[in-house]
Amino acid sequence: FLDFAGSTVVHSVGGWAALTGALILGPRLGKYKGDKTIPMPGSNLALATLGTFILWLGWFGFNGGSQLAMGSVGDVADVSRIFANTNAAAAGGAVAALLLTQLLFKKPDLTMVLNGALAGLVSITAEPLTPT
């Protein structure tokens, strides 16, 4: 395992902070009634999609820039592989979420597809050059 750009620390700290916040704040009001969960759909799917694509684009700069070297042909080739792997991970996450929601709910769900793309981006950040 090679922690490429400190992603283990970054995502661990973020996860622990989110858990702490959730424990302090508790569940959303109106989200749960008895044993039932009340869905709370997003209010603007166009902006959520735009935000996901902006993050997707920014991930190229983060992962590619974390290579920290372009002094040789090999370094430049590594950056190009990082770009390809980053894009493949996001696309794979989106397609996997699309297929899974289609199988489970009999219809695709855009919010799950967007979350799938983000999950793919997060997962590739640990080692985008040579993922295993």
N, C-alpha and C. Protein backbone atom coordinates (compact mmCIF):
# COMPACT_ATOMS: atom_id res chain seq x y z
N PHE A 1 0.84 -1.18 0.00
CA PHE A 1 0.00 0.00 0.00
C PHE A 1 0.88 1.23 0.00
N LEU A 2 0.57 2.15 -0.89
CA LEU A 2 1.29 3.41 -0.98
C LEU A 2 0.28 4.54 -0.86
N ASP A 3 0.41 5.33 0.18
CA ASP A 3 -0.49 6.46 0.37
C ASP A 3 0.03 7.60 -0.49
N PHE A 4 -0.57 7.77 -1.65
CA PHE A 4 -0.04 8.63 -2.70
C PHE A 4 0.07 10.10 -2.29
N ALA A 5 -0.97 10.67 -1.75
CA ALA A 5 -0.95 12.11 -1.44
C ALA A 5 -1.54 12.39 -0.06
N GLY A 6 -1.38 11.46 0.85
CA GLY A 6 -1.92 11.66 2.19
C GLY A 6 -3.41 11.42 2.28
N SER A 7 -3.97 10.69 1.31
CA SER A 7 -5.42 10.52 1.29
C SER A 7 -5.94 9.73 2.48
N THR A 8 -5.14 8.83 3.02
CA THR A 8 -5.59 8.06 4.18
C THR A 8 -5.85 8.99 5.36
N VAL A 9 -4.91 9.86 5.61
CA VAL A 9 -5.07 10.81 6.72
C VAL A 9 -6.21 11.77 6.45
N VAL A 10 -6.26 12.32 5.24
CA VAL A 10 -7.29 13.31 4.91
C VAL A 10 -8.68 12.71 5.05
N HIS A 11 -8.89 11.53 4.48
CA HIS A 11 -10.23 10.96 4.53
C HIS A 11 -10.56 10.37 5.89
N SER A 12 -9.57 9.90 6.61
CA SER A 12 -9.82 9.43 7.97
C SER A 12 -10.25 10.59 8.87
N VAL A 13 -9.53 11.68 8.81
CA VAL A 13 -9.88 12.84 9.64
C VAL A 13 -11.28 13.35 9.26
N GLY A 14 -11.56 13.42 7.96
CA GLY A 14 -12.89 13.85 7.52
C GLY A 14 -13.98 12.93 8.01
N GLY A 15 -13.73 11.62 7.94
CA GLY A 15 -14.72 10.65 8.41
C GLY A 15 -14.97 10.75 9.90
N TRP A 16 -13.90 10.88 10.68
CA TRP A 16 -14.06 11.00 12.13
C TRP A 16 -14.76 12.31 12.49
N ALA A 17 -14.44 13.38 11.78
CA ALA A 17 -15.11 14.66 12.04
C ALA A 17 -16.61 14.57 11.70
N ALA A 18 -16.93 13.90 10.58
CA ALA A 18 -18.33 13.73 10.21
C ALA A 18 -19.08 12.88 11.24
N LEU A 19 -18.44 11.81 11.71
CA LEU A 19 -19.06 10.97 12.73
C LEU A 19 -19.31 11.77 14.01
N THR A 20 -18.32 12.56 14.42
CA THR A 20 -18.48 13.39 15.61
C THR A 20 -19.63 14.38 15.45
N GLY A 21 -19.68 15.02 14.28
CA GLY A 21 -20.78 15.96 14.02
C GLY A 21 -22.13 15.28 14.03
N ALA A 22 -22.20 14.09 13.43
CA ALA A 22 -23.47 13.36 13.41
C ALA A 22 -23.90 12.94 14.81
N LEU A 23 -22.94 12.55 15.64
CA LEU A 23 -23.28 12.16 17.01
C LEU A 23 -23.74 13.36 17.84
N ILE A 24 -23.11 14.50 17.63
CA ILE A 24 -23.48 15.71 18.38
C ILE A 24 -24.83 16.25 17.91
N LEU A 25 -25.02 16.34 16.59
CA LEU A 25 -26.24 16.95 16.06
C LEU A 25 -27.43 16.01 16.05
N GLY A 26 -27.16 14.71 15.90
CA GLY A 26 -28.25 13.75 15.82
C GLY A 26 -28.85 13.70 14.43
N PRO A 27 -29.91 12.92 14.26
CA PRO A 27 -30.50 12.77 12.92
C PRO A 27 -31.24 14.04 12.50
N ARG A 28 -31.45 14.16 11.20
CA ARG A 28 -32.22 15.29 10.68
C ARG A 28 -33.65 15.22 11.19
N LEU A 29 -34.19 16.37 11.55
CA LEU A 29 -35.57 16.42 11.99
C LEU A 29 -36.49 16.08 10.83
N GLY A 30 -37.42 15.18 11.05
CA GLY A 30 -38.34 14.76 10.01
C GLY A 30 -37.83 13.62 9.15
N LYS A 31 -36.60 13.17 9.35
CA LYS A 31 -36.03 12.08 8.54
C LYS A 31 -36.56 10.72 8.97
N TYR A 32 -36.82 10.57 10.26
CA TYR A 32 -37.27 9.29 10.80
C TYR A 32 -38.58 9.47 11.56
N LYS A 33 -39.54 8.59 11.26
CA LYS A 33 -40.82 8.59 11.98
C LYS A 33 -41.09 7.15 12.38
N GLY A 34 -40.92 6.86 13.66
CA GLY A 34 -41.07 5.49 14.12
C GLY A 34 -39.97 4.63 13.54
N ASP A 35 -40.36 3.55 12.88
CA ASP A 35 -39.40 2.66 12.24
C ASP A 35 -39.21 2.97 10.77
N LYS A 36 -39.83 4.04 10.27
CA LYS A 36 -39.77 4.37 8.85
C LYS A 36 -38.77 5.49 8.60
N THR A 37 -38.12 5.40 7.45
CA THR A 37 -37.22 6.45 7.00
C THR A 37 -37.92 7.25 5.92
N ILE A 38 -37.99 8.54 6.09
CA ILE A 38 -38.65 9.42 5.13
C ILE A 38 -37.59 9.95 4.16
N PRO A 39 -37.71 9.67 2.86
CA PRO A 39 -36.70 10.17 1.92
C PRO A 39 -36.71 11.69 1.83
N MET A 40 -35.53 12.27 1.73
CA MET A 40 -35.38 13.72 1.59
C MET A 40 -34.59 13.99 0.31
N PRO A 41 -35.30 14.08 -0.83
CA PRO A 41 -34.59 14.26 -2.09
C PRO A 41 -33.91 15.62 -2.18
N GLY A 42 -32.86 15.67 -2.98
CA GLY A 42 -32.16 16.93 -3.19
C GLY A 42 -33.06 17.93 -3.89
N SER A 43 -32.76 19.19 -3.71
CA SER A 43 -33.64 20.22 -4.25
C SER A 43 -33.25 20.65 -5.66
N ASN A 44 -31.99 20.41 -6.07
CA ASN A 44 -31.57 20.89 -7.38
C ASN A 44 -30.56 19.90 -7.98
N LEU A 45 -31.05 18.98 -8.76
CA LEU A 45 -30.19 17.95 -9.33
C LEU A 45 -29.23 18.51 -10.37
N ALA A 46 -29.62 19.58 -11.05
CA ALA A 46 -28.71 20.19 -12.03
C ALA A 46 -27.46 20.75 -11.33
N LEU A 47 -27.65 21.42 -10.22
CA LEU A 47 -26.49 21.95 -9.49
C LEU A 47 -25.68 20.83 -8.84
N ALA A 48 -26.33 19.78 -8.38
CA ALA A 48 -25.59 18.64 -7.83
C ALA A 48 -24.73 17.98 -8.91
N THR A 49 -25.27 17.86 -10.11
CA THR A 49 -24.52 17.28 -11.22
C THR A 49 -23.36 18.19 -11.61
N LEU A 50 -23.61 19.48 -11.69
CA LEU A 50 -22.55 20.43 -12.00
C LEU A 50 -21.44 20.37 -10.95
N GLY A 51 -21.82 20.31 -9.69
CA GLY A 51 -20.83 20.22 -8.61
C GLY A 51 -20.00 18.95 -8.70
N THR A 52 -20.64 17.84 -9.05
CA THR A 52 -19.91 16.59 -9.21
C THR A 52 -18.91 16.68 -10.35
N PHE A 53 -19.32 17.27 -11.47
CA PHE A 53 -18.40 17.40 -12.60
C PHE A 53 -17.25 18.37 -12.30
N ILE A 54 -17.52 19.40 -11.52
CA ILE A 54 -16.45 20.32 -11.11
C ILE A 54 -15.44 19.58 -10.23
N LEU A 55 -15.94 18.79 -9.29
CA LEU A 55 -15.04 17.99 -8.45
C LEU A 55 -14.25 16.99 -9.29
N TRP A 56 -14.93 16.35 -10.23
CA TRP A 56 -14.29 15.37 -11.12
C TRP A 56 -13.13 16.04 -11.86
N LEU A 57 -13.38 17.21 -12.42
CA LEU A 57 -12.33 17.95 -13.13
C LEU A 57 -11.20 18.35 -12.19
N GLY A 58 -11.53 18.81 -11.00
CA GLY A 58 -10.51 19.21 -10.03
C GLY A 58 -9.65 18.06 -9.57
N TRP A 59 -10.21 16.85 -9.58
CA TRP A 59 -9.47 15.67 -9.14
C TRP A 59 -8.28 15.40 -10.05
N PHE A 60 -8.41 15.75 -11.33
CA PHE A 60 -7.27 15.58 -12.25
C PHE A 60 -6.09 16.42 -11.79
N GLY A 61 -6.36 17.65 -11.39
CA GLY A 61 -5.29 18.52 -10.90
C GLY A 61 -4.69 18.01 -9.61
N PHE A 62 -5.54 17.51 -8.72
CA PHE A 62 -5.03 17.02 -7.44
C PHE A 62 -4.19 15.77 -7.63
N ASN A 63 -4.76 14.76 -8.29
CA ASN A 63 -4.03 13.51 -8.46
C ASN A 63 -2.82 13.67 -9.37
N GLY A 64 -2.99 14.35 -10.48
CA GLY A 64 -1.87 14.57 -11.39
C GLY A 64 -0.79 15.44 -10.77
N GLY A 65 -1.21 16.49 -10.07
CA GLY A 65 -0.25 17.38 -9.42
C GLY A 65 0.47 16.74 -8.26
N SER A 66 -0.12 15.74 -7.65
CA SER A 66 0.52 15.06 -6.53
C SER A 66 1.67 14.18 -6.97
N GLN A 67 1.83 13.96 -8.26
CA GLN A 67 2.99 13.24 -8.77
C GLN A 67 4.26 14.03 -8.47
N LEU A 68 4.17 15.36 -8.46
CA LEU A 68 5.26 16.27 -8.08
C LEU A 68 6.50 16.15 -8.96
N ALA A 69 6.36 15.64 -10.17
CA ALA A 69 7.52 15.54 -11.05
C ALA A 69 7.08 15.50 -12.50
N MET A 70 7.73 16.30 -13.32
CA MET A 70 7.55 16.23 -14.77
C MET A 70 8.90 16.48 -15.45
N GLY A 71 9.96 16.01 -14.81
CA GLY A 71 11.31 16.27 -15.31
C GLY A 71 11.80 15.28 -16.33
N SER A 72 11.07 14.21 -16.55
CA SER A 72 11.50 13.21 -17.52
C SER A 72 10.29 12.69 -18.27
N VAL A 73 10.56 11.98 -19.34
CA VAL A 73 9.48 11.39 -20.13
C VAL A 73 8.70 10.39 -19.29
N GLY A 74 9.39 9.65 -18.43
CA GLY A 74 8.72 8.70 -17.56
C GLY A 74 7.76 9.37 -16.58
N ASP A 75 8.18 10.51 -16.04
CA ASP A 75 7.31 11.25 -15.13
C ASP A 75 6.05 11.75 -15.85
N VAL A 76 6.22 12.26 -17.05
CA VAL A 76 5.07 12.74 -17.82
C VAL A 76 4.15 11.58 -18.17
N ALA A 77 4.73 10.43 -18.51
CA ALA A 77 3.91 9.24 -18.80
C ALA A 77 3.15 8.81 -17.55
N ASP A 78 3.79 8.92 -16.39
CA ASP A 78 3.11 8.58 -15.13
C ASP A 78 1.92 9.50 -14.89
N VAL A 79 2.09 10.79 -15.15
CA VAL A 79 0.99 11.74 -14.96
C VAL A 79 -0.16 11.39 -15.90
N SER A 80 0.15 11.02 -17.13
CA SER A 80 -0.92 10.65 -18.06
C SER A 80 -1.65 9.39 -17.59
N ARG A 81 -0.91 8.43 -17.02
CA ARG A 81 -1.57 7.23 -16.48
C ARG A 81 -2.44 7.59 -15.27
N ILE A 82 -1.95 8.52 -14.46
CA ILE A 82 -2.75 8.99 -13.32
C ILE A 82 -4.05 9.61 -13.80
N PHE A 83 -3.99 10.44 -14.85
CA PHE A 83 -5.20 11.04 -15.40
C PHE A 83 -6.17 9.96 -15.89
N ALA A 84 -5.65 8.98 -16.62
CA ALA A 84 -6.50 7.92 -17.16
C ALA A 84 -7.12 7.09 -16.04
N ASN A 85 -6.33 6.74 -15.03
CA ASN A 85 -6.84 5.95 -13.91
C ASN A 85 -7.88 6.73 -13.11
N THR A 86 -7.64 8.03 -12.92
CA THR A 86 -8.59 8.87 -12.20
C THR A 86 -9.93 8.91 -12.92
N ASN A 87 -9.88 9.11 -14.22
CA ASN A 87 -11.11 9.17 -15.01
C ASN A 87 -11.82 7.81 -15.02
N ALA A 88 -11.06 6.74 -15.17
CA ALA A 88 -11.66 5.40 -15.19
C ALA A 88 -12.32 5.07 -13.86
N ALA A 89 -11.72 5.48 -12.76
CA ALA A 89 -12.30 5.21 -11.45
C ALA A 89 -13.63 5.94 -11.27
N ALA A 90 -13.66 7.20 -11.66
CA ALA A 90 -14.91 7.97 -11.53
C ALA A 90 -16.00 7.40 -12.43
N ALA A 91 -15.63 7.10 -13.67
CA ALA A 91 -16.61 6.53 -14.60
C ALA A 91 -17.07 5.16 -14.13
N GLY A 92 -16.14 4.35 -13.63
CA GLY A 92 -16.50 3.03 -13.12
C GLY A 92 -17.44 3.11 -11.94
N GLY A 93 -17.17 4.05 -11.04
CA GLY A 93 -18.07 4.23 -9.90
C GLY A 93 -19.45 4.67 -10.33
N ALA A 94 -19.52 5.56 -11.31
CA ALA A 94 -20.82 6.03 -11.80
C ALA A 94 -21.60 4.90 -12.48
N VAL A 95 -20.91 4.13 -13.33
CA VAL A 95 -21.58 3.02 -14.02
C VAL A 95 -22.02 1.94 -13.03
N ALA A 96 -21.16 1.63 -12.07
CA ALA A 96 -21.52 0.62 -11.07
C ALA A 96 -22.75 1.06 -10.28
N ALA A 97 -22.80 2.32 -9.89
CA ALA A 97 -23.96 2.83 -9.15
C ALA A 97 -25.21 2.81 -10.03
N LEU A 98 -25.05 3.16 -11.30
CA LEU A 98 -26.18 3.13 -12.23
C LEU A 98 -26.75 1.72 -12.36
N LEU A 99 -25.87 0.75 -12.57
CA LEU A 99 -26.33 -0.63 -12.71
C LEU A 99 -26.94 -1.16 -11.42
N LEU A 100 -26.33 -0.82 -10.30
CA LEU A 100 -26.85 -1.29 -9.02
C LEU A 100 -28.23 -0.71 -8.71
N THR A 101 -28.42 0.58 -8.97
CA THR A 101 -29.74 1.17 -8.72
C THR A 101 -30.78 0.62 -9.69
N GLN A 102 -30.35 0.33 -10.91
CA GLN A 102 -31.27 -0.27 -11.88
C GLN A 102 -31.71 -1.66 -11.41
N LEU A 103 -30.76 -2.44 -10.90
CA LEU A 103 -31.09 -3.78 -10.43
C LEU A 103 -31.93 -3.76 -9.15
N LEU A 104 -31.58 -2.89 -8.22
CA LEU A 104 -32.26 -2.88 -6.93
C LEU A 104 -33.62 -2.19 -6.96
N PHE A 105 -33.70 -1.06 -7.68
CA PHE A 105 -34.91 -0.23 -7.63
C PHE A 105 -35.68 -0.20 -8.94
N LYS A 106 -35.19 -0.92 -9.95
CA LYS A 106 -35.84 -1.00 -11.27
C LYS A 106 -35.88 0.34 -12.00
N LYS A 107 -35.06 1.30 -11.57
CA LYS A 107 -34.93 2.57 -12.28
C LYS A 107 -33.61 3.22 -11.86
N PRO A 108 -32.97 3.92 -12.77
CA PRO A 108 -31.72 4.59 -12.41
C PRO A 108 -31.99 5.79 -11.50
N ASP A 109 -31.02 6.10 -10.66
CA ASP A 109 -31.15 7.22 -9.72
C ASP A 109 -29.93 8.13 -9.89
N LEU A 110 -30.16 9.34 -10.37
CA LEU A 110 -29.07 10.27 -10.64
C LEU A 110 -28.24 10.56 -9.40
N THR A 111 -28.88 10.71 -8.26
CA THR A 111 -28.11 11.02 -7.04
C THR A 111 -27.16 9.89 -6.69
N MET A 112 -27.57 8.66 -6.91
CA MET A 112 -26.68 7.52 -6.64
C MET A 112 -25.56 7.45 -7.67
N VAL A 113 -25.84 7.79 -8.91
CA VAL A 113 -24.80 7.82 -9.95
C VAL A 113 -23.74 8.87 -9.60
N LEU A 114 -24.17 10.03 -9.16
CA LEU A 114 -23.23 11.08 -8.77
C LEU A 114 -22.39 10.64 -7.57
N ASN A 115 -23.05 10.01 -6.59
CA ASN A 115 -22.31 9.49 -5.44
C ASN A 115 -21.34 8.39 -5.85
N GLY A 116 -21.72 7.57 -6.82
CA GLY A 116 -20.83 6.53 -7.33
C GLY A 116 -19.59 7.12 -7.97
N ALA A 117 -19.75 8.19 -8.74
CA ALA A 117 -18.60 8.87 -9.34
C ALA A 117 -17.67 9.41 -8.27
N LEU A 118 -18.23 10.04 -7.25
CA LEU A 118 -17.41 10.58 -6.15
C LEU A 118 -16.73 9.46 -5.38
N ALA A 119 -17.42 8.35 -5.19
CA ALA A 119 -16.80 7.21 -4.50
C ALA A 119 -15.62 6.67 -5.31
N GLY A 120 -15.77 6.61 -6.63
CA GLY A 120 -14.66 6.20 -7.47
C GLY A 120 -13.48 7.14 -7.37
N LEU A 121 -13.75 8.43 -7.34
CA LEU A 121 -12.67 9.42 -7.21
C LEU A 121 -11.95 9.29 -5.88
N VAL A 122 -12.71 9.12 -4.81
CA VAL A 122 -12.10 8.97 -3.49
C VAL A 122 -11.26 7.70 -3.45
N SER A 123 -11.77 6.63 -4.02
CA SER A 123 -11.05 5.36 -3.94
C SER A 123 -9.74 5.38 -4.73
N ILE A 124 -9.67 6.11 -5.82
CA ILE A 124 -8.46 6.12 -6.64
C ILE A 124 -7.40 7.07 -6.07
N THR A 125 -7.78 7.94 -5.17
CA THR A 125 -6.85 8.93 -4.64
C THR A 125 -5.72 8.28 -3.84
N ALA A 126 -5.96 7.13 -3.24
CA ALA A 126 -4.91 6.48 -2.43
C ALA A 126 -3.70 6.11 -3.28
N GLU A 127 -3.89 5.64 -4.49
CA GLU A 127 -2.77 5.30 -5.37
C GLU A 127 -3.22 5.32 -6.83
N PRO A 128 -3.26 6.49 -7.43
CA PRO A 128 -3.79 6.59 -8.79
C PRO A 128 -2.82 6.11 -9.87
N LEU A 129 -1.55 5.96 -9.55
CA LEU A 129 -0.60 5.53 -10.58
C LEU A 129 -0.67 4.03 -10.83
N THR A 130 -0.68 3.26 -9.78
CA THR A 130 -0.73 1.79 -9.90
C THR A 130 -1.76 1.21 -8.98
N PRO A 131 -3.05 1.40 -9.28
CA PRO A 131 -4.10 0.86 -8.39
C PRO A 131 -4.08 -0.66 -8.38
N THR A 132 -4.44 -1.22 -7.24
CA THR A 132 -4.49 -2.68 -7.12
C THR A 132 -5.89 -3.13 -6.75
